[in-house]
Amino acid sequence: MENIYKIEGSVFKNPPSEYSDKTVFPDFQNQLEIFKNLLKRQVKDGNGITYYKFGDGDYFFLKKEGVGSAKPGNRALSKKYWRINHKEFKEGSKKNHFYLCEIIKSNKNYFNEIFKKNFDFPAEFVYGLTSNRWLTNTFSGKIGIIGAKEKLELIRNLLEHEIYKDYLGLDQFLDYIEIPQKFACDDINNLRKKVSAQLKNSKSEVFLYGIGHVKSGLSYLFPEYKKAVYLDIGSGVDALAGIIDKQRPYFGNWKNYKLNDDSFYRNIDYLNFNFDGSETILS
């Protein structure tokens, strides 16, 4: 892996070949600093901004192809595509302010096919800045989180422990905005009402979110519900919940903290993760 693709304080295990080629994204480090400064300025100015992180699963969902999490019955929706208003998602995905995409060739091609333009920043930035806790340290006292109810419950309970507060560099998330863990795309209009009601009373100036494919029909509306900066960190929410697979990009040295009560984990929808004995158990 070339040094230009490294993000301080994080580790990328087994990176694809693109990360051994400096010419794939030679401006990586400069763009990383631009991204960090832009985020800080947007939060300071109180902007209403959405960042949408695009991945291969989003491509399959937007193309109505039943692959992985986009397959009806797996994670995003329980219904067949013809039973939802898929147009709401396809159009909504194109209404965000900034777009993130991994620099690997397949994802860039997928992005260009869907959006007919270049992405604004590499998605690697949000992985690395979550993993090295730059985001939680930088915006401590201003930050909320949006994600699956079950995973937010893990995060709430982990943050009852001082060791985890110290690890993340914050005392608390100001707001926990809940969405269904599975089949959130089944009824987008009802979900919009529920999220709007939660955000209306929120206090955060910046939100980290990881909500799967439902973001395509929802994230662009966030600033209408509550003016803030909304940053899509995807599976980074799983890291904050202590259940990230360390093979995922830039999470190779992440420390998964685990509650000493297995009941919290019975209904978790894992993303290719199994407890392997390397977790730090909190008593």
Protein backbone atom coordinates (compact mmCIF):
# COMPACT_ATOMS: atom_id res chain seq x y z
CA MET A 1 0.00 0.00 0.00
CA GLU A 2 1.44 3.36 -1.03
CA ASN A 3 1.97 5.91 1.74
CA ILE A 4 -0.25 8.48 0.03
CA TYR A 5 -3.30 6.31 0.79
CA LYS A 6 -2.52 5.86 4.48
CA ILE A 7 -4.52 7.77 7.06
CA GLU A 8 -2.66 8.40 10.30
CA GLY A 9 -3.90 6.34 13.23
CA SER A 10 -5.66 3.74 11.09
CA VAL A 11 -4.63 0.50 9.38
CA PHE A 12 -5.90 -1.00 6.13
CA LYS A 13 -5.38 -4.76 6.08
CA ASN A 14 -5.07 -6.49 2.70
CA PRO A 15 -5.86 -3.49 0.47
CA PRO A 16 -6.75 -4.10 -3.21
CA SER A 17 -4.19 -3.45 -5.94
CA GLU A 18 -5.37 0.12 -6.56
CA TYR A 19 -3.76 1.20 -3.29
CA SER A 20 -0.34 0.14 -4.61
CA ASP A 21 -0.62 2.56 -7.53
CA LYS A 22 0.11 6.22 -6.80
CA THR A 23 -1.55 7.32 -10.02
CA VAL A 24 -5.04 6.08 -9.05
CA PHE A 25 -5.66 9.09 -6.80
CA PRO A 26 -2.44 11.12 -6.50
CA ASP A 27 -4.11 14.02 -4.68
CA PHE A 28 -5.33 11.80 -1.83
CA GLN A 29 -3.48 13.52 1.04
CA ASN A 30 -4.22 17.05 -0.15
CA GLN A 31 -7.89 16.22 -0.59
CA LEU A 32 -7.97 14.66 2.87
CA GLU A 33 -6.89 17.97 4.42
CA ILE A 34 -9.37 19.88 2.28
CA PHE A 35 -12.11 17.51 3.42
CA LYS A 36 -11.25 17.90 7.11
CA ASN A 37 -11.10 21.69 6.90
CA LEU A 38 -14.34 21.83 4.91
CA LEU A 39 -16.15 19.76 7.52
CA LYS A 40 -14.90 21.94 10.36
CA ARG A 41 -15.96 25.09 8.54
CA GLN A 42 -19.39 23.75 7.65
CA VAL A 43 -20.08 22.75 11.25
CA LYS A 44 -18.78 26.08 12.58
CA ASP A 45 -20.98 27.99 10.12
CA GLY A 46 -24.06 25.96 11.01
CA ASN A 47 -24.62 24.75 7.46
CA GLY A 48 -27.28 22.25 6.45
CA ILE A 49 -25.23 19.76 4.41
CA THR A 50 -25.50 16.09 3.48
CA TYR A 51 -22.67 13.76 2.52
CA TYR A 52 -23.69 10.56 0.72
CA LYS A 53 -21.24 7.64 0.69
CA PHE A 54 -21.70 5.43 -2.35
CA GLY A 55 -20.78 1.75 -2.43
CA ASP A 56 -21.40 -1.27 -4.61
CA GLY A 57 -24.46 -2.21 -2.55
CA ASP A 58 -26.00 1.18 -3.32
CA TYR A 59 -25.38 0.56 -7.00
CA PHE A 60 -27.28 -2.74 -6.91
CA PHE A 61 -30.10 -1.20 -4.90
CA LEU A 62 -30.48 1.77 -7.24
CA LYS A 63 -30.38 -0.60 -10.22
CA LYS A 64 -32.97 -2.89 -8.56
CA GLU A 65 -30.59 -5.84 -8.75
CA GLY A 66 -31.07 -8.48 -6.05
CA VAL A 67 -27.47 -8.77 -4.89
CA GLY A 68 -26.31 -8.90 -1.26
CA SER A 69 -28.00 -6.34 0.98
CA ALA A 70 -30.03 -5.12 -2.01
CA LYS A 71 -31.76 -8.47 -2.43
CA PRO A 72 -35.38 -8.36 -1.20
CA GLY A 73 -35.62 -10.21 2.10
CA ASN A 74 -31.97 -9.76 3.05
CA ARG A 75 -31.58 -6.35 4.69
CA ALA A 76 -32.83 -3.24 2.88
CA LEU A 77 -36.36 -4.34 2.12
CA SER A 78 -38.69 -7.28 2.67
CA LYS A 79 -40.80 -6.53 -0.41
CA LYS A 80 -40.13 -6.94 -4.11
CA TYR A 81 -38.90 -3.76 -5.80
CA TRP A 82 -42.14 -3.28 -7.70
CA ARG A 83 -44.00 -2.99 -4.38
CA ILE A 84 -42.11 0.12 -3.25
CA ASN A 85 -41.82 3.51 -4.93
CA HIS A 86 -38.27 2.91 -6.10
CA LYS A 87 -38.27 6.20 -8.01
CA GLU A 88 -38.22 8.04 -4.64
CA PHE A 89 -34.87 6.44 -3.87
CA LYS A 90 -33.32 6.86 -7.29
CA GLU A 91 -34.21 10.55 -7.45
CA GLY A 92 -33.44 11.20 -3.79
CA SER A 93 -29.95 9.74 -4.09
CA LYS A 94 -29.08 12.54 -6.52
CA LYS A 95 -30.16 15.39 -4.24
CA ASN A 96 -27.33 15.36 -1.70
CA HIS A 97 -24.68 18.07 -1.49
CA PHE A 98 -21.48 15.99 -1.50
CA TYR A 99 -20.64 12.46 -2.63
CA LEU A 100 -18.04 9.99 -1.40
CA CYS A 101 -16.87 6.90 -3.28
CA GLU A 102 -14.03 4.42 -2.81
CA ILE A 103 -11.20 4.89 -5.29
CA ILE A 104 -11.25 1.28 -6.51
CA LYS A 105 -12.05 1.02 -10.22
CA SER A 106 -15.31 -0.95 -9.96
CA ASN A 107 -16.88 1.47 -7.49
CA LYS A 108 -15.81 4.50 -9.52
CA ASN A 109 -17.39 2.96 -12.60
CA TYR A 110 -20.59 2.19 -10.70
CA PHE A 111 -20.71 5.74 -9.40
CA ASN A 112 -20.24 7.28 -12.84
CA GLU A 113 -22.94 5.07 -14.29
CA ILE A 114 -25.50 6.13 -11.65
CA PHE A 115 -24.64 9.80 -11.17
CA LYS A 116 -23.00 10.76 -14.48
CA LYS A 117 -20.36 12.86 -12.71
CA ASN A 118 -17.26 12.59 -10.54
CA PHE A 119 -17.51 12.11 -6.79
CA ASP A 120 -16.32 14.86 -4.47
CA PHE A 121 -14.09 12.93 -2.05
CA PRO A 122 -12.83 9.37 -1.53
CA ALA A 123 -15.01 7.33 0.84
CA GLU A 124 -11.76 6.15 2.42
CA PHE A 125 -11.68 9.48 4.27
CA VAL A 126 -14.71 8.70 6.44
CA TYR A 127 -13.41 5.21 7.21
CA GLY A 128 -10.02 6.48 8.33
CA LEU A 129 -11.33 9.50 10.23
CA THR A 130 -13.81 7.32 12.09
CA SER A 131 -11.19 4.69 12.83
CA ASN A 132 -8.59 7.13 14.14
CA ARG A 133 -11.32 8.95 16.08
CA TRP A 134 -10.61 12.30 14.43
CA LEU A 135 -14.33 12.81 13.91
CA THR A 136 -15.37 12.08 17.49
CA ASN A 137 -12.48 14.08 18.94
CA THR A 138 -12.92 17.07 16.65
CA PHE A 139 -16.67 17.41 17.11
CA SER A 140 -16.96 16.26 20.72
CA GLY A 141 -19.87 18.01 22.41
CA LYS A 142 -21.56 18.78 19.08
CA ILE A 143 -22.16 15.36 17.61
CA GLY A 144 -25.13 13.03 17.16
CA ILE A 145 -25.57 9.67 15.48
CA ILE A 146 -28.17 8.12 13.19
CA GLY A 147 -28.41 4.37 12.81
CA ALA A 148 -30.17 1.13 13.60
CA LYS A 149 -31.89 1.18 17.00
CA GLU A 150 -30.16 -1.99 18.18
CA LYS A 151 -26.70 -0.67 17.35
CA LEU A 152 -27.37 2.71 18.92
CA GLU A 153 -28.36 0.90 22.10
CA LEU A 154 -24.95 -0.78 22.11
CA ILE A 155 -23.23 2.58 21.70
CA ARG A 156 -25.27 4.16 24.51
CA ASN A 157 -24.27 1.39 26.89
CA LEU A 158 -20.63 1.34 25.83
CA LEU A 159 -20.45 5.07 26.59
CA GLU A 160 -21.41 4.40 30.18
CA HIS A 161 -17.79 3.25 30.59
CA GLU A 162 -15.02 5.80 31.03
CA ILE A 163 -12.53 3.69 29.08
CA TYR A 164 -14.73 3.88 26.00
CA LYS A 165 -15.33 7.60 26.40
CA ASP A 166 -11.57 8.07 26.51
CA TYR A 167 -11.13 5.87 23.44
CA LEU A 168 -13.59 7.87 21.33
CA GLY A 169 -12.58 11.22 22.80
CA LEU A 170 -16.10 12.25 23.79
CA ASP A 171 -18.44 11.94 26.76
CA GLN A 172 -21.60 11.28 24.80
CA PHE A 173 -23.46 11.59 21.55
CA LEU A 174 -25.96 14.39 22.00
CA ASP A 175 -28.66 12.66 19.95
CA TYR A 176 -29.49 9.10 18.93
CA ILE A 177 -31.76 9.08 15.90
CA GLU A 178 -33.18 5.60 15.32
CA ILE A 179 -34.16 3.83 12.14
CA PRO A 180 -35.23 0.18 11.69
CA GLN A 181 -32.29 -2.21 11.54
CA LYS A 182 -33.87 -4.21 8.72
CA PHE A 183 -36.32 -3.47 5.91
CA ALA A 184 -36.16 0.30 6.42
CA CYS A 185 -36.95 0.79 2.72
CA ASP A 186 -40.38 -0.87 2.96
CA ASP A 187 -42.24 2.34 3.83
CA ILE A 188 -40.16 5.43 3.14
CA ASN A 189 -42.95 7.92 3.80
CA ASN A 190 -43.66 6.56 7.27
CA LEU A 191 -39.94 6.47 8.08
CA ARG A 192 -39.51 10.08 6.98
CA LYS A 193 -42.19 11.14 9.47
CA LYS A 194 -40.51 9.23 12.30
CA VAL A 195 -37.05 10.59 11.55
CA SER A 196 -38.39 14.13 11.14
CA ALA A 197 -40.01 13.95 14.57
CA GLN A 198 -36.75 12.80 16.16
CA LEU A 199 -34.53 15.35 14.44
CA LYS A 200 -36.89 18.21 15.19
CA ASN A 201 -35.95 18.04 18.87
CA SER A 202 -32.25 17.27 18.36
CA LYS A 203 -29.33 19.43 19.52
CA SER A 204 -26.38 18.22 17.45
CA GLU A 205 -24.50 20.37 14.95
CA VAL A 206 -23.08 17.38 13.09
CA PHE A 207 -24.45 13.85 12.70
CA LEU A 208 -22.64 10.67 11.74
CA TYR A 209 -24.96 8.25 10.01
CA GLY A 210 -24.92 4.71 8.71
CA ILE A 211 -28.38 3.62 7.62
CA GLY A 212 -27.94 1.35 4.62
CA HIS A 213 -29.77 1.83 1.33
CA VAL A 214 -32.65 3.78 2.83
CA LYS A 215 -30.36 6.81 2.76
CA SER A 216 -31.12 7.16 -0.95
CA GLY A 217 -34.65 8.19 -0.12
CA LEU A 218 -33.94 9.93 3.16
CA SER A 219 -30.56 11.59 3.67
CA TYR A 220 -31.15 14.58 1.38
CA LEU A 221 -34.11 15.53 3.58
CA PHE A 222 -32.15 15.61 6.84
CA PRO A 223 -31.33 19.35 6.70
CA GLU A 224 -35.02 20.11 6.19
CA TYR A 225 -35.80 18.35 9.44
CA LYS A 226 -32.86 19.82 11.34
CA LYS A 227 -30.14 22.15 10.03
CA ALA A 228 -26.82 20.38 10.60
CA VAL A 229 -23.99 18.62 8.76
CA TYR A 230 -24.78 14.97 8.03
CA LEU A 231 -21.84 12.70 7.26
CA ASP A 232 -22.39 9.18 5.95
CA ILE A 233 -19.85 6.88 7.64
CA GLY A 234 -21.59 3.66 6.62
CA SER A 235 -20.17 0.67 8.50
CA GLY A 236 -18.36 3.11 10.78
CA VAL A 237 -21.49 2.98 12.94
CA ASP A 238 -20.72 -0.71 13.49
CA ALA A 239 -17.24 0.25 14.65
CA LEU A 240 -18.70 2.68 17.18
CA ALA A 241 -20.92 -0.18 18.36
CA GLY A 242 -17.88 -2.42 18.78
CA ILE A 243 -18.82 -4.87 16.04
CA ILE A 244 -16.70 -3.94 13.02
CA ASP A 245 -14.82 -6.55 11.02
CA LYS A 246 -11.19 -5.47 11.13
CA GLN A 247 -10.71 -6.55 7.52
CA ARG A 248 -12.82 -3.56 6.46
CA PRO A 249 -10.86 -0.65 4.99
CA TYR A 250 -8.93 1.39 7.57
CA PHE A 251 -10.34 -0.48 10.60
CA GLY A 252 -7.45 -2.91 10.97
CA ASN A 253 -6.34 -1.50 14.33
CA TRP A 254 -9.78 -0.57 15.65
CA LYS A 255 -10.45 -1.77 19.19
CA ASN A 256 -13.86 -3.43 19.49
CA TYR A 257 -15.23 -2.92 22.99
CA LYS A 258 -17.87 -5.44 24.09
CA LEU A 259 -20.47 -5.30 26.84
CA ASN A 260 -20.34 -8.14 29.35
CA ASP A 261 -23.94 -9.10 28.64
CA ASP A 262 -24.70 -11.20 25.58
CA SER A 263 -28.37 -10.21 25.63
CA PHE A 264 -27.42 -6.91 23.95
CA TYR A 265 -26.17 -8.84 20.91
CA ARG A 266 -29.00 -11.30 20.29
CA ASN A 267 -30.81 -9.17 17.70
CA ILE A 268 -27.88 -7.49 16.00
CA ASP A 269 -27.69 -7.68 12.21
CA TYR A 270 -23.95 -8.14 11.74
CA LEU A 271 -22.00 -7.10 8.66
CA ASN A 272 -19.62 -10.06 8.22
CA PHE A 273 -18.50 -10.00 11.85
CA ASN A 274 -17.95 -12.66 14.47
CA PHE A 275 -16.54 -12.14 17.95
CA ASP A 276 -13.03 -13.59 17.74
CA GLY A 277 -11.80 -13.17 21.29
CA SER A 278 -9.83 -9.98 20.57
CA GLU A 279 -12.54 -7.68 21.95
CA THR A 280 -12.05 -5.67 25.10
CA ILE A 281 -14.76 -6.86 27.48
CA LEU A 282 -16.31 -4.15 29.67
CA SER A 283 -17.51 -5.26 33.08
